[in-house]
Amino acid sequence: MKVNLQEMPYAQQLEKLRLDGPAGIGPDVLVIPNDQLGGAVVQGLLSPLSVDQAKQDAFTPASINAFRMDNALYGIPKAVETLVLIYNKDLIDKPLDSLQAWLDYSKTQREQNKYGLLAKFDQIYYSWGAIGPMGGYIFAKNDSGGFNPQQVGLNTPGAVEAVTFLKKILCREGLSGGDPRR
């Protein structure tokens, strides 16, 4: 079997599929980020996959479910992106176990003209590690396993508590990064 591999930027892939697919010359396989899955499915550009459960179980639930829409599987994870905490073991024996502990540590460090925790908590991508575990969600799930855009979970008590704490870190405590003398 001959396979033609053609690399192209993500932004061009769906447009090319949109134009070439109906003509029968579109790709059989493509790589797209999962956040583009919904639009591609709604436009009829992707078909559900039939993958046995044992193969699906080889992936973490979060990674395989990122390619589901309305209980149908449309892709297989190629890579998984996640945020990590990097810390200096010469300064901290083990990672601190709460945002409050990091805030306290950071205040002490700032008083010594040093950095504490550096994080981009002003962006939801980076702050999700605080919002999600406290009960926040972007959209609720509907009965068919898809998302319900009519039910937004960024105003749950836990999400509000998380965002309020992050705002305190960013605004009142001045720990948003940058000059450690702030």
Foldseek 3Di string as FASTA:
>chain_A
DDDDDDDDDQVCLLVCLVPCVVVVRHDPDDDHDLVCQVVCVVSVSFDFDDDDPVVVVVDDPVQQLSQDALNTGGDHDPDDDDDDDDDDCVVPVDDDDDVVVQLVQQLVQLVVQHGTDAWQCVDCRGLVVQQVVQPADQFDADPSRHGDNVHHRCPDPSNVVSVVVSCCCVPVSVRNDDGSND
